[in-house]
Amino acid sequence: MLYLTDDSTTRIKKWLSQNPGKKVRLSIKTAGCTGFMYEVTLDEKFNIEDDFAIKYDDFDILVEHKYFHTIDGATLDYVTDTKSMSSHFELVSNPNEKARCGCGESFTV
C-alpha cells in the first residue's frame, strides 16, 4: 500500500487535469550517494507484465512490480520549500528504507 497526503493528492489531480490521457508513475532510479532516488513522473504506458496500478478515488499511480516491496507502507507527499521557492513529490515515512543521505535525496533499502 502507498499512502498519499492531502497535498500530494491535490497536486496529482491538478497535474492530471492539465495532462489528459497521462498517468502518474512512481519509479526508483540509481542515483545519489546512498544508492537510489524516487522519481514521480507522468506516463501513458502501462505494461501488465511489468507494472501494477495502485487505485485511488479517481486516478491510478503506476509502479513497476519490482519496486513494490521498496515502497510498501510509505507515504507520498508534495512538499513546498519557501526558501528555495520550489516544490516536489517526496516519499516520506518509508518503513523499508535503511538509510538516507545527508541531504535526503537518496536512500538505501
PDB file of N, CA and C in Angstrom:
ATOM      1  N   MET A   1       0.839  -1.177   0.000  1.00  0.00           N
ATOM      2  CA  MET A   1       0.000   0.000   0.000  1.00  0.00           C
ATOM      3  C   MET A   1       0.885   1.241   0.000  1.00  0.00           C
ATOM      4  N   LEU A   2       0.474   2.242  -0.734  1.00  0.00           N
ATOM      5  CA  LEU A   2       1.129   3.538  -0.770  1.00  0.00           C
ATOM      6  C   LEU A   2       0.115   4.562  -0.286  1.00  0.00           C
ATOM      7  N   TYR A   3       0.492   5.312   0.730  1.00  0.00           N
ATOM      8  CA  TYR A   3      -0.402   6.328   1.285  1.00  0.00           C
ATOM      9  C   TYR A   3      -0.104   7.676   0.635  1.00  0.00           C
ATOM     10  N   LEU A   4      -1.125   8.527   0.542  1.00  0.00           N
ATOM     11  CA  LEU A   4      -0.962   9.853  -0.031  1.00  0.00           C
ATOM     12  C   LEU A   4      -1.384  10.905   0.970  1.00  0.00           C
ATOM     13  N   THR A   5      -0.635  11.992   1.037  1.00  0.00           N
ATOM     14  CA  THR A   5      -1.059  13.129   1.849  1.00  0.00           C
ATOM     15  C   THR A   5      -2.098  13.923   1.049  1.00  0.00           C
ATOM     16  N   ASP A   6      -2.807  14.804   1.723  1.00  0.00           N
ATOM     17  CA  ASP A   6      -3.762  15.670   1.030  1.00  0.00           C
ATOM     18  C   ASP A   6      -3.053  16.535  -0.009  1.00  0.00           C
ATOM     19  N   ASP A   7      -1.863  17.042   0.328  1.00  0.00           N
ATOM     20  CA  ASP A   7      -1.109  17.872  -0.610  1.00  0.00           C
ATOM     21  C   ASP A   7      -0.732  17.105  -1.877  1.00  0.00           C
ATOM     22  N   SER A   8      -0.299  15.858  -1.722  1.00  0.00           N
ATOM     23  CA  SER A   8       0.075  15.092  -2.916  1.00  0.00           C
ATOM     24  C   SER A   8      -1.158  14.746  -3.748  1.00  0.00           C
ATOM     25  N   THR A   9      -2.264  14.432  -3.107  1.00  0.00           N
ATOM     26  CA  THR A   9      -3.492  14.131  -3.843  1.00  0.00           C
ATOM     27  C   THR A   9      -3.961  15.347  -4.637  1.00  0.00           C
ATOM     28  N   THR A  10      -3.947  16.505  -4.006  1.00  0.00           N
ATOM     29  CA  THR A  10      -4.351  17.741  -4.686  1.00  0.00           C
ATOM     30  C   THR A  10      -3.460  18.014  -5.885  1.00  0.00           C
ATOM     31  N   ARG A  11      -2.137  17.873  -5.711  1.00  0.00           N
ATOM     32  CA  ARG A  11      -1.196  18.137  -6.799  1.00  0.00           C
ATOM     33  C   ARG A  11      -1.367  17.138  -7.935  1.00  0.00           C
ATOM     34  N   ILE A  12      -1.561  15.871  -7.609  1.00  0.00           N
ATOM     35  CA  ILE A  12      -1.748  14.845  -8.640  1.00  0.00           C
ATOM     36  C   ILE A  12      -3.005  15.142  -9.452  1.00  0.00           C
ATOM     37  N   LYS A  13      -4.096  15.473  -8.799  1.00  0.00           N
ATOM     38  CA  LYS A  13      -5.343  15.765  -9.518  1.00  0.00           C
ATOM     39  C   LYS A  13      -5.168  16.969 -10.443  1.00  0.00           C
ATOM     40  N   LYS A  14      -4.483  17.992  -9.977  1.00  0.00           N
ATOM     41  CA  LYS A  14      -4.237  19.174 -10.811  1.00  0.00           C
ATOM     42  C   LYS A  14      -3.347  18.808 -11.988  1.00  0.00           C
ATOM     43  N   TRP A  15      -2.290  18.073 -11.727  1.00  0.00           N
ATOM     44  CA  TRP A  15      -1.335  17.649 -12.752  1.00  0.00           C
ATOM     45  C   TRP A  15      -2.037  16.846 -13.840  1.00  0.00           C
ATOM     46  N   LEU A  16      -2.878  15.891 -13.435  1.00  0.00           N
ATOM     47  CA  LEU A  16      -3.581  15.048 -14.398  1.00  0.00           C
ATOM     48  C   LEU A  16      -4.631  15.835 -15.177  1.00  0.00           C
ATOM     49  N   SER A  17      -5.264  16.824 -14.543  1.00  0.00           N
ATOM     50  CA  SER A  17      -6.248  17.632 -15.264  1.00  0.00           C
ATOM     51  C   SER A  17      -5.578  18.467 -16.357  1.00  0.00           C
ATOM     52  N   GLN A  18      -4.312  18.792 -16.163  1.00  0.00           N
ATOM     53  CA  GLN A  18      -3.554  19.560 -17.148  1.00  0.00           C
ATOM     54  C   GLN A  18      -2.898  18.670 -18.207  1.00  0.00           C
ATOM     55  N   ASN A  19      -2.945  17.353 -17.991  1.00  0.00           N
ATOM     56  CA  ASN A  19      -2.297  16.391 -18.895  1.00  0.00           C
ATOM     57  C   ASN A  19      -3.217  15.204 -19.151  1.00  0.00           C
ATOM     58  N   PRO A  20      -4.307  15.419 -19.904  1.00  0.00           N
ATOM     59  CA  PRO A  20      -5.261  14.339 -20.154  1.00  0.00           C
ATOM     60  C   PRO A  20      -4.600  13.130 -20.822  1.00  0.00           C
ATOM     61  N   GLY A  21      -5.036  11.943 -20.436  1.00  0.00           N
ATOM     62  CA  GLY A  21      -4.503  10.709 -21.005  1.00  0.00           C
ATOM     63  C   GLY A  21      -3.240  10.212 -20.341  1.00  0.00           C
ATOM     64  N   LYS A  22      -2.696  10.977 -19.432  1.00  0.00           N
ATOM     65  CA  LYS A  22      -1.468  10.576 -18.730  1.00  0.00           C
ATOM     66  C   LYS A  22      -1.814   9.936 -17.391  1.00  0.00           C
ATOM     67  N   LYS A  23      -0.856   9.204 -16.871  1.00  0.00           N
ATOM     68  CA  LYS A  23      -0.956   8.605 -15.542  1.00  0.00           C
ATOM     69  C   LYS A  23       0.292   8.997 -14.756  1.00  0.00           C
ATOM     70  N   VAL A  24       0.193   8.917 -13.459  1.00  0.00           N
ATOM     71  CA  VAL A  24       1.339   9.211 -12.599  1.00  0.00           C
ATOM     72  C   VAL A  24       2.129   7.921 -12.394  1.00  0.00           C
ATOM     73  N   ARG A  25       3.432   8.020 -12.535  1.00  0.00           N
ATOM     74  CA  ARG A  25       4.306   6.861 -12.307  1.00  0.00           C
ATOM     75  C   ARG A  25       5.294   7.195 -11.199  1.00  0.00           C
ATOM     76  N   LEU A  26       5.387   6.292 -10.236  1.00  0.00           N
ATOM     77  CA  LEU A  26       6.391   6.368  -9.180  1.00  0.00           C
ATOM     78  C   LEU A  26       7.454   5.336  -9.519  1.00  0.00           C
ATOM     79  N   SER A  27       8.673   5.802  -9.714  1.00  0.00           N
ATOM     80  CA  SER A  27       9.755   4.872 -10.038  1.00  0.00           C
ATOM     81  C   SER A  27      10.952   5.124  -9.137  1.00  0.00           C
ATOM     82  N   ILE A  28      11.881   4.230  -9.220  1.00  0.00           N
ATOM     83  CA  ILE A  28      13.107   4.322  -8.438  1.00  0.00           C
ATOM     84  C   ILE A  28      14.269   4.185  -9.404  1.00  0.00           C
ATOM     85  N   LYS A  29      15.230   5.090  -9.277  1.00  0.00           N
ATOM     86  CA  LYS A  29      16.394   5.030 -10.158  1.00  0.00           C
ATOM     87  C   LYS A  29      17.666   5.027  -9.323  1.00  0.00           C
ATOM     88  N   THR A  30      18.732   4.529  -9.906  1.00  0.00           N
ATOM     89  CA  THR A  30      20.031   4.535  -9.254  1.00  0.00           C
ATOM     90  C   THR A  30      20.568   5.955  -9.289  1.00  0.00           C
ATOM     91  N   ALA A  31      20.853   6.501  -8.107  1.00  0.00           N
ATOM     92  CA  ALA A  31      21.336   7.880  -8.028  1.00  0.00           C
ATOM     93  C   ALA A  31      21.776   8.203  -6.611  1.00  0.00           C
ATOM     94  N   GLY A  32      22.444   9.326  -6.472  1.00  0.00           N
ATOM     95  CA  GLY A  32      22.796   9.842  -5.149  1.00  0.00           C
ATOM     96  C   GLY A  32      23.902   9.072  -4.469  1.00  0.00           C
ATOM     97  N   CYS A  33      24.194   9.516  -3.266  1.00  0.00           N
ATOM     98  CA  CYS A  33      25.312   8.930  -2.534  1.00  0.00           C
ATOM     99  C   CYS A  33      24.941   7.665  -1.773  1.00  0.00           C
ATOM    100  N   THR A  34      23.648   7.376  -1.594  1.00  0.00           N
ATOM    101  CA  THR A  34      23.283   6.151  -0.886  1.00  0.00           C
ATOM    102  C   THR A  34      22.676   5.088  -1.789  1.00  0.00           C
ATOM    103  N   GLY A  35      22.492   5.378  -3.075  1.00  0.00           N
ATOM    104  CA  GLY A  35      22.117   4.322  -3.995  1.00  0.00           C
ATOM    105  C   GLY A  35      20.883   4.532  -4.844  1.00  0.00           C
ATOM    106  N   PHE A  36      19.764   4.988  -4.268  1.00  0.00           N
ATOM    107  CA  PHE A  36      18.519   5.084  -5.021  1.00  0.00           C
ATOM    108  C   PHE A  36      17.835   6.419  -4.790  1.00  0.00           C
ATOM    109  N   MET A  37      16.997   6.793  -5.765  1.00  0.00           N
ATOM    110  CA  MET A  37      16.239   8.025  -5.672  1.00  0.00           C
ATOM    111  C   MET A  37      14.834   7.768  -6.207  1.00  0.00           C
ATOM    112  N   TYR A  38      13.844   8.333  -5.550  1.00  0.00           N
ATOM    113  CA  TYR A  38      12.467   8.244  -6.022  1.00  0.00           C
ATOM    114  C   TYR A  38      12.251   9.254  -7.141  1.00  0.00           C
ATOM    115  N   GLU A  39      11.373   8.914  -8.067  1.00  0.00           N
ATOM    116  CA  GLU A  39      11.038   9.825  -9.147  1.00  0.00           C
ATOM    117  C   GLU A  39       9.543   9.704  -9.442  1.00  0.00           C
ATOM    118  N   VAL A  40       8.860  10.831  -9.501  1.00  0.00           N
ATOM    119  CA  VAL A  40       7.441  10.858  -9.828  1.00  0.00           C
ATOM    120  C   VAL A  40       7.312  11.598 -11.156  1.00  0.00           C
ATOM    121  N   THR A  41       6.755  10.906 -12.158  1.00  0.00           N
ATOM    122  CA  THR A  41       6.641  11.464 -13.499  1.00  0.00           C
ATOM    123  C   THR A  41       5.261  11.165 -14.074  1.00  0.00           C
ATOM    124  N   LEU A  42       4.988  11.765 -15.216  1.00  0.00           N
ATOM    125  CA  LEU A  42       3.792  11.431 -15.973  1.00  0.00           C
ATOM    126  C   LEU A  42       4.159  10.389 -17.013  1.00  0.00           C
ATOM    127  N   ASP A  43       3.235   9.471 -17.273  1.00  0.00           N
ATOM    128  CA  ASP A  43       3.481   8.404 -18.237  1.00  0.00           C
ATOM    129  C   ASP A  43       2.152   8.030 -18.872  1.00  0.00           C
ATOM    130  N   GLU A  44       2.205   7.471 -20.056  1.00  0.00           N
ATOM    131  CA  GLU A  44       0.977   6.997 -20.685  1.00  0.00           C
ATOM    132  C   GLU A  44       1.029   5.500 -20.951  1.00  0.00           C
ATOM    133  N   LYS A  45       2.150   4.886 -20.605  1.00  0.00           N
ATOM    134  CA  LYS A  45       2.322   3.466 -20.869  1.00  0.00           C
ATOM    135  C   LYS A  45       2.053   2.642 -19.614  1.00  0.00           C
ATOM    136  N   PHE A  46       1.350   1.533 -19.798  1.00  0.00           N
ATOM    137  CA  PHE A  46       1.114   0.578 -18.730  1.00  0.00           C
ATOM    138  C   PHE A  46       1.333  -0.804 -19.317  1.00  0.00           C
ATOM    139  N   ASN A  47       2.235  -1.561 -18.717  1.00  0.00           N
ATOM    140  CA  ASN A  47       2.530  -2.907 -19.181  1.00  0.00           C
ATOM    141  C   ASN A  47       2.129  -3.877 -18.077  1.00  0.00           C
ATOM    142  N   ILE A  48       1.132  -4.687 -18.327  1.00  0.00           N
ATOM    143  CA  ILE A  48       0.585  -5.602 -17.311  1.00  0.00           C
ATOM    144  C   ILE A  48       1.648  -6.554 -16.771  1.00  0.00           C
ATOM    145  N   GLU A  49       2.658  -6.874 -17.557  1.00  0.00           N
ATOM    146  CA  GLU A  49       3.707  -7.793 -17.108  1.00  0.00           C
ATOM    147  C   GLU A  49       4.691  -7.125 -16.153  1.00  0.00           C
ATOM    148  N   ASP A  50       4.904  -5.819 -16.314  1.00  0.00           N
ATOM    149  CA  ASP A  50       5.912  -5.118 -15.522  1.00  0.00           C
ATOM    150  C   ASP A  50       5.338  -4.206 -14.441  1.00  0.00           C
ATOM    151  N   ASP A  51       4.127  -3.708 -14.655  1.00  0.00           N
ATOM    152  CA  ASP A  51       3.563  -2.668 -13.796  1.00  0.00           C
ATOM    153  C   ASP A  51       2.333  -3.132 -13.032  1.00  0.00           C
ATOM    154  N   PHE A  52       2.067  -2.446 -11.962  1.00  0.00           N
ATOM    155  CA  PHE A  52       0.757  -2.548 -11.330  1.00  0.00           C
ATOM    156  C   PHE A  52       0.272  -1.139 -11.070  1.00  0.00           C
ATOM    157  N   ALA A  53      -1.040  -0.995 -10.951  1.00  0.00           N
ATOM    158  CA  ALA A  53      -1.645   0.305 -10.722  1.00  0.00           C
ATOM    159  C   ALA A  53      -2.237   0.322  -9.324  1.00  0.00           C
ATOM    160  N   ILE A  54      -1.827   1.299  -8.535  1.00  0.00           N
ATOM    161  CA  ILE A  54      -2.422   1.494  -7.219  1.00  0.00           C
ATOM    162  C   ILE A  54      -3.589   2.443  -7.435  1.00  0.00           C
ATOM    163  N   LYS A  55      -4.798   1.969  -7.147  1.00  0.00           N
ATOM    164  CA  LYS A  55      -6.015   2.720  -7.436  1.00  0.00           C
ATOM    165  C   LYS A  55      -6.404   3.618  -6.271  1.00  0.00           C
ATOM    166  N   TYR A  56      -6.700   4.863  -6.622  1.00  0.00           N
ATOM    167  CA  TYR A  56      -7.239   5.835  -5.672  1.00  0.00           C
ATOM    168  C   TYR A  56      -8.599   6.261  -6.194  1.00  0.00           C
ATOM    169  N   ASP A  57      -9.242   7.193  -5.571  1.00  0.00           N
ATOM    170  CA  ASP A  57     -10.610   7.567  -5.951  1.00  0.00           C
ATOM    171  C   ASP A  57     -10.802   7.772  -7.445  1.00  0.00           C
ATOM    172  N   ASP A  58     -10.036   8.664  -8.031  1.00  0.00           N
ATOM    173  CA  ASP A  58     -10.240   8.955  -9.448  1.00  0.00           C
ATOM    174  C   ASP A  58      -8.945   8.988 -10.259  1.00  0.00           C
ATOM    175  N   PHE A  59      -7.922   8.316  -9.781  1.00  0.00           N
ATOM    176  CA  PHE A  59      -6.675   8.192 -10.535  1.00  0.00           C
ATOM    177  C   PHE A  59      -5.906   6.969 -10.046  1.00  0.00           C
ATOM    178  N   ASP A  60      -4.916   6.588 -10.836  1.00  0.00           N
ATOM    179  CA  ASP A  60      -4.025   5.469 -10.505  1.00  0.00           C
ATOM    180  C   ASP A  60      -2.603   5.993 -10.408  1.00  0.00           C
ATOM    181  N   ILE A  61      -1.789   5.322  -9.613  1.00  0.00           N
ATOM    182  CA  ILE A  61      -0.347   5.548  -9.623  1.00  0.00           C
ATOM    183  C   ILE A  61       0.296   4.250 -10.088  1.00  0.00           C
ATOM    184  N   LEU A  62       1.099   4.342 -11.137  1.00  0.00           N
ATOM    185  CA  LEU A  62       1.768   3.177 -11.697  1.00  0.00           C
ATOM    186  C   LEU A  62       3.100   2.961 -11.005  1.00  0.00           C
ATOM    187  N   VAL A  63       3.396   1.695 -10.717  1.00  0.00           N
ATOM    188  CA  VAL A  63       4.667   1.304 -10.096  1.00  0.00           C
ATOM    189  C   VAL A  63       5.081  -0.026 -10.718  1.00  0.00           C
ATOM    190  N   GLU A  64       6.362  -0.155 -11.026  1.00  0.00           N
ATOM    191  CA  GLU A  64       6.844  -1.446 -11.516  1.00  0.00           C
ATOM    192  C   GLU A  64       6.761  -2.475 -10.397  1.00  0.00           C
ATOM    193  N   HIS A  65       6.398  -3.708 -10.772  1.00  0.00           N
ATOM    194  CA  HIS A  65       6.288  -4.789  -9.788  1.00  0.00           C
ATOM    195  C   HIS A  65       7.535  -4.912  -8.919  1.00  0.00           C
ATOM    196  N   LYS A  66       8.703  -4.760  -9.530  1.00  0.00           N
ATOM    197  CA  LYS A  66       9.958  -4.979  -8.799  1.00  0.00           C
ATOM    198  C   LYS A  66      10.190  -3.961  -7.687  1.00  0.00           C
ATOM    199  N   TYR A  67       9.437  -2.835  -7.701  1.00  0.00           N
ATOM    200  CA  TYR A  67       9.623  -1.813  -6.670  1.00  0.00           C
ATOM    201  C   TYR A  67       8.565  -1.859  -5.571  1.00  0.00           C
ATOM    202  N   PHE A  68       7.596  -2.758  -5.695  1.00  0.00           N
ATOM    203  CA  PHE A  68       6.513  -2.759  -4.712  1.00  0.00           C
ATOM    204  C   PHE A  68       7.044  -2.930  -3.290  1.00  0.00           C
ATOM    205  N   HIS A  69       7.946  -3.876  -3.070  1.00  0.00           N
ATOM    206  CA  HIS A  69       8.469  -4.108  -1.711  1.00  0.00           C
ATOM    207  C   HIS A  69       9.215  -2.895  -1.169  1.00  0.00           C
ATOM    208  N   THR A  70       9.751  -2.060  -2.056  1.00  0.00           N
ATOM    209  CA  THR A  70      10.516  -0.891  -1.643  1.00  0.00           C
ATOM    210  C   THR A  70       9.622   0.242  -1.157  1.00  0.00           C
ATOM    211  N   ILE A  71       8.415   0.366  -1.725  1.00  0.00           N
ATOM    212  CA  ILE A  71       7.528   1.479  -1.357  1.00  0.00           C
ATOM    213  C   ILE A  71       6.379   1.064  -0.452  1.00  0.00           C
ATOM    214  N   ASP A  72       6.218  -0.216  -0.211  1.00  0.00           N
ATOM    215  CA  ASP A  72       5.076  -0.703   0.567  1.00  0.00           C
ATOM    216  C   ASP A  72       5.049  -0.077   1.963  1.00  0.00           C
ATOM    217  N   GLY A  73       3.973   0.629   2.267  1.00  0.00           N
ATOM    218  CA  GLY A  73       3.814   1.258   3.572  1.00  0.00           C
ATOM    219  C   GLY A  73       4.295   2.694   3.642  1.00  0.00           C
ATOM    220  N   ALA A  74       4.855   3.217   2.540  1.00  0.00           N
ATOM    221  CA  ALA A  74       5.371   4.586   2.519  1.00  0.00           C
ATOM    222  C   ALA A  74       4.253   5.585   2.242  1.00  0.00           C
ATOM    223  N   THR A  75       4.563   6.855   2.423  1.00  0.00           N
ATOM    224  CA  THR A  75       3.623   7.947   2.177  1.00  0.00           C
ATOM    225  C   THR A  75       4.214   8.895   1.143  1.00  0.00           C
ATOM    226  N   LEU A  76       3.423   9.209   0.114  1.00  0.00           N
ATOM    227  CA  LEU A  76       3.831  10.170  -0.900  1.00  0.00           C
ATOM    228  C   LEU A  76       3.300  11.541  -0.503  1.00  0.00           C
ATOM    229  N   ASP A  77       4.205  12.508  -0.394  1.00  0.00           N
ATOM    230  CA  ASP A  77       3.842  13.873  -0.016  1.00  0.00           C
ATOM    231  C   ASP A  77       4.253  14.815  -1.134  1.00  0.00           C
ATOM    232  N   TYR A  78       3.655  15.997  -1.158  1.00  0.00           N
ATOM    233  CA  TYR A  78       4.066  17.053  -2.072  1.00  0.00           C
ATOM    234  C   TYR A  78       4.540  18.197  -1.207  1.00  0.00           C
ATOM    235  N   VAL A  79       5.831  18.494  -1.286  1.00  0.00           N
ATOM    236  CA  VAL A  79       6.490  19.414  -0.377  1.00  0.00           C
ATOM    237  C   VAL A  79       6.807  20.724  -1.089  1.00  0.00           C
ATOM    238  N   THR A  80       6.511  21.833  -0.428  1.00  0.00           N
ATOM    239  CA  THR A  80       6.868  23.149  -0.948  1.00  0.00           C
ATOM    240  C   THR A  80       7.906  23.763  -0.024  1.00  0.00           C
ATOM    241  N   ASP A  81       9.036  24.164  -0.606  1.00  0.00           N
ATOM    242  CA  ASP A  81      10.118  24.793   0.140  1.00  0.00           C
ATOM    243  C   ASP A  81      10.075  26.290  -0.151  1.00  0.00           C
ATOM    244  N   THR A  82       9.669  27.070   0.838  1.00  0.00           N
ATOM    245  CA  THR A  82       9.527  28.512   0.637  1.00  0.00           C
ATOM    246  C   THR A  82      10.876  29.214   0.494  1.00  0.00           C
ATOM    247  N   LYS A  83      11.933  28.659   1.069  1.00  0.00           N
ATOM    248  CA  LYS A  83      13.267  29.276   0.947  1.00  0.00           C
ATOM    249  C   LYS A  83      13.779  29.208  -0.485  1.00  0.00           C
ATOM    250  N   SER A  84      13.679  28.042  -1.095  1.00  0.00           N
ATOM    251  CA  SER A  84      14.180  27.891  -2.466  1.00  0.00           C
ATOM    252  C   SER A  84      13.090  28.139  -3.508  1.00  0.00           C
ATOM    253  N   MET A  85      11.883  28.366  -3.029  1.00  0.00           N
ATOM    254  CA  MET A  85      10.729  28.590  -3.903  1.00  0.00           C
ATOM    255  C   MET A  85      10.561  27.443  -4.897  1.00  0.00           C
ATOM    256  N   SER A  86      10.658  26.221  -4.388  1.00  0.00           N
ATOM    257  CA  SER A  86      10.495  25.040  -5.232  1.00  0.00           C
ATOM    258  C   SER A  86       9.546  24.067  -4.555  1.00  0.00           C
ATOM    259  N   SER A  87       9.034  23.138  -5.333  1.00  0.00           N
ATOM    260  CA  SER A  87       8.165  22.101  -4.780  1.00  0.00           C
ATOM    261  C   SER A  87       8.431  20.803  -5.524  1.00  0.00           C
ATOM    262  N   HIS A  88       8.154  19.697  -4.837  1.00  0.00           N
ATOM    263  CA  HIS A  88       8.419  18.389  -5.416  1.00  0.00           C
ATOM    264  C   HIS A  88       7.683  17.308  -4.633  1.00  0.00           C
ATOM    265  N   PHE A  89       7.520  16.145  -5.287  1.00  0.00           N
ATOM    266  CA  PHE A  89       6.991  14.980  -4.594  1.00  0.00           C
ATOM    267  C   PHE A  89       8.117  14.349  -3.789  1.00  0.00           C
ATOM    268  N   GLU A  90       7.768  13.797  -2.645  1.00  0.00           N
ATOM    269  CA  GLU A  90       8.763  13.150  -1.791  1.00  0.00           C
ATOM    270  C   GLU A  90       8.112  11.964  -1.096  1.00  0.00           C
ATOM    271  N   LEU A  91       8.788  10.839  -1.078  1.00  0.00           N
ATOM    272  CA  LEU A  91       8.307   9.687  -0.332  1.00  0.00           C
ATOM    273  C   LEU A  91       8.823   9.821   1.088  1.00  0.00           C
ATOM    274  N   VAL A  92       7.906   9.843   2.040  1.00  0.00           N
ATOM    275  CA  VAL A  92       8.263  10.021   3.444  1.00  0.00           C
ATOM    276  C   VAL A  92       7.763   8.832   4.243  1.00  0.00           C
ATOM    277  N   SER A  93       8.283   8.674   5.410  1.00  0.00           N
ATOM    278  CA  SER A  93       7.848   7.605   6.316  1.00  0.00           C
ATOM    279  C   SER A  93       7.842   6.242   5.632  1.00  0.00           C
ATOM    280  N   ASN A  94       8.930   5.929   4.938  1.00  0.00           N
ATOM    281  CA  ASN A  94       9.030   4.631   4.277  1.00  0.00           C
ATOM    282  C   ASN A  94       9.667   3.631   5.235  1.00  0.00           C
ATOM    283  N   PRO A  95       8.900   2.644   5.692  1.00  0.00           N
ATOM    284  CA  PRO A  95       9.433   1.679   6.652  1.00  0.00           C
ATOM    285  C   PRO A  95      10.497   0.749   6.062  1.00  0.00           C
ATOM    286  N   ASN A  96      10.666   0.773   4.743  1.00  0.00           N
ATOM    287  CA  ASN A  96      11.625  -0.122   4.080  1.00  0.00           C
ATOM    288  C   ASN A  96      13.002   0.500   3.892  1.00  0.00           C
ATOM    289  N   GLU A  97      13.124   1.796   4.110  1.00  0.00           N
ATOM    290  CA  GLU A  97      14.425   2.452   3.972  1.00  0.00           C
ATOM    291  C   GLU A  97      15.332   2.083   5.137  1.00  0.00           C
ATOM    292  N   LYS A  98      16.582   1.802   4.819  1.00  0.00           N
ATOM    293  CA  LYS A  98      17.580   1.526   5.855  1.00  0.00           C
ATOM    294  C   LYS A  98      18.351   2.778   6.220  1.00  0.00           C
ATOM    295  N   ALA A  99      18.551   3.672   5.214  1.00  0.00           N
ATOM    296  CA  ALA A  99      19.301   4.913   5.453  1.00  0.00           C
ATOM    297  C   ALA A  99      18.999   5.907   4.350  1.00  0.00           C
ATOM    298  N   ARG A 100      19.216   7.189   4.667  1.00  0.00           N
ATOM    299  CA  ARG A 100      19.116   8.285   3.691  1.00  0.00           C
ATOM    300  C   ARG A 100      20.405   9.068   3.728  1.00  0.00           C
ATOM    301  N   CYS A 101      20.741   9.683   2.619  1.00  0.00           N
ATOM    302  CA  CYS A 101      21.949  10.517   2.600  1.00  0.00           C
ATOM    303  C   CYS A 101      21.680  11.798   3.405  1.00  0.00           C
ATOM    304  N   GLY A 102      22.712  12.546   3.664  1.00  0.00           N
ATOM    305  CA  GLY A 102      22.597  13.749   4.485  1.00  0.00           C
ATOM    306  C   GLY A 102      21.642  14.787   3.922  1.00  0.00           C
ATOM    307  N   CYS A 103      21.578  14.924   2.608  1.00  0.00           N
ATOM    308  CA  CYS A 103      20.672  15.922   2.010  1.00  0.00           C
ATOM    309  C   CYS A 103      19.264  15.380   1.853  1.00  0.00           C
ATOM    310  N   GLY A 104      19.074  14.067   2.042  1.00  0.00           N
ATOM    311  CA  GLY A 104      17.739  13.480   1.990  1.00  0.00           C
ATOM    312  C   GLY A 104      17.245  13.106   0.610  1.00  0.00           C
ATOM    313  N   GLU A 105      18.080  13.243  -0.405  1.00  0.00           N
ATOM    314  CA  GLU A 105      17.619  12.955  -1.766  1.00  0.00           C
ATOM    315  C   GLU A 105      17.727  11.505  -2.171  1.00  0.00           C
ATOM    316  N   SER A 106      18.624  10.749  -1.578  1.00  0.00           N
ATOM    317  CA  SER A 106      18.768   9.342  -1.964  1.00  0.00           C
ATOM    318  C   SER A 106      18.672   8.465  -0.723  1.00  0.00           C
ATOM    319  N   PHE A 107      18.468   7.176  -0.973  1.00  0.00           N
ATOM    320  CA  PHE A 107      18.223   6.238   0.116  1.00  0.00           C
ATOM    321  C   PHE A 107      18.770   4.870  -0.230  1.00  0.00           C
ATOM    322  N   THR A 108      18.768   3.987   0.754  1.00  0.00           N
ATOM    323  CA  THR A 108      19.128   2.594   0.555  1.00  0.00           C
ATOM    324  C   THR A 108      18.089   1.726   1.256  1.00  0.00           C
ATOM    325  N   VAL A 109      17.903   0.529   0.720  1.00  0.00           N
ATOM    326  CA  VAL A 109      16.958  -0.436   1.318  1.00  0.00           C
ATOM    327  C   VAL A 109      17.671  -1.698   1.714  1.00  0.00           C
TER     328      VAL A 109
END
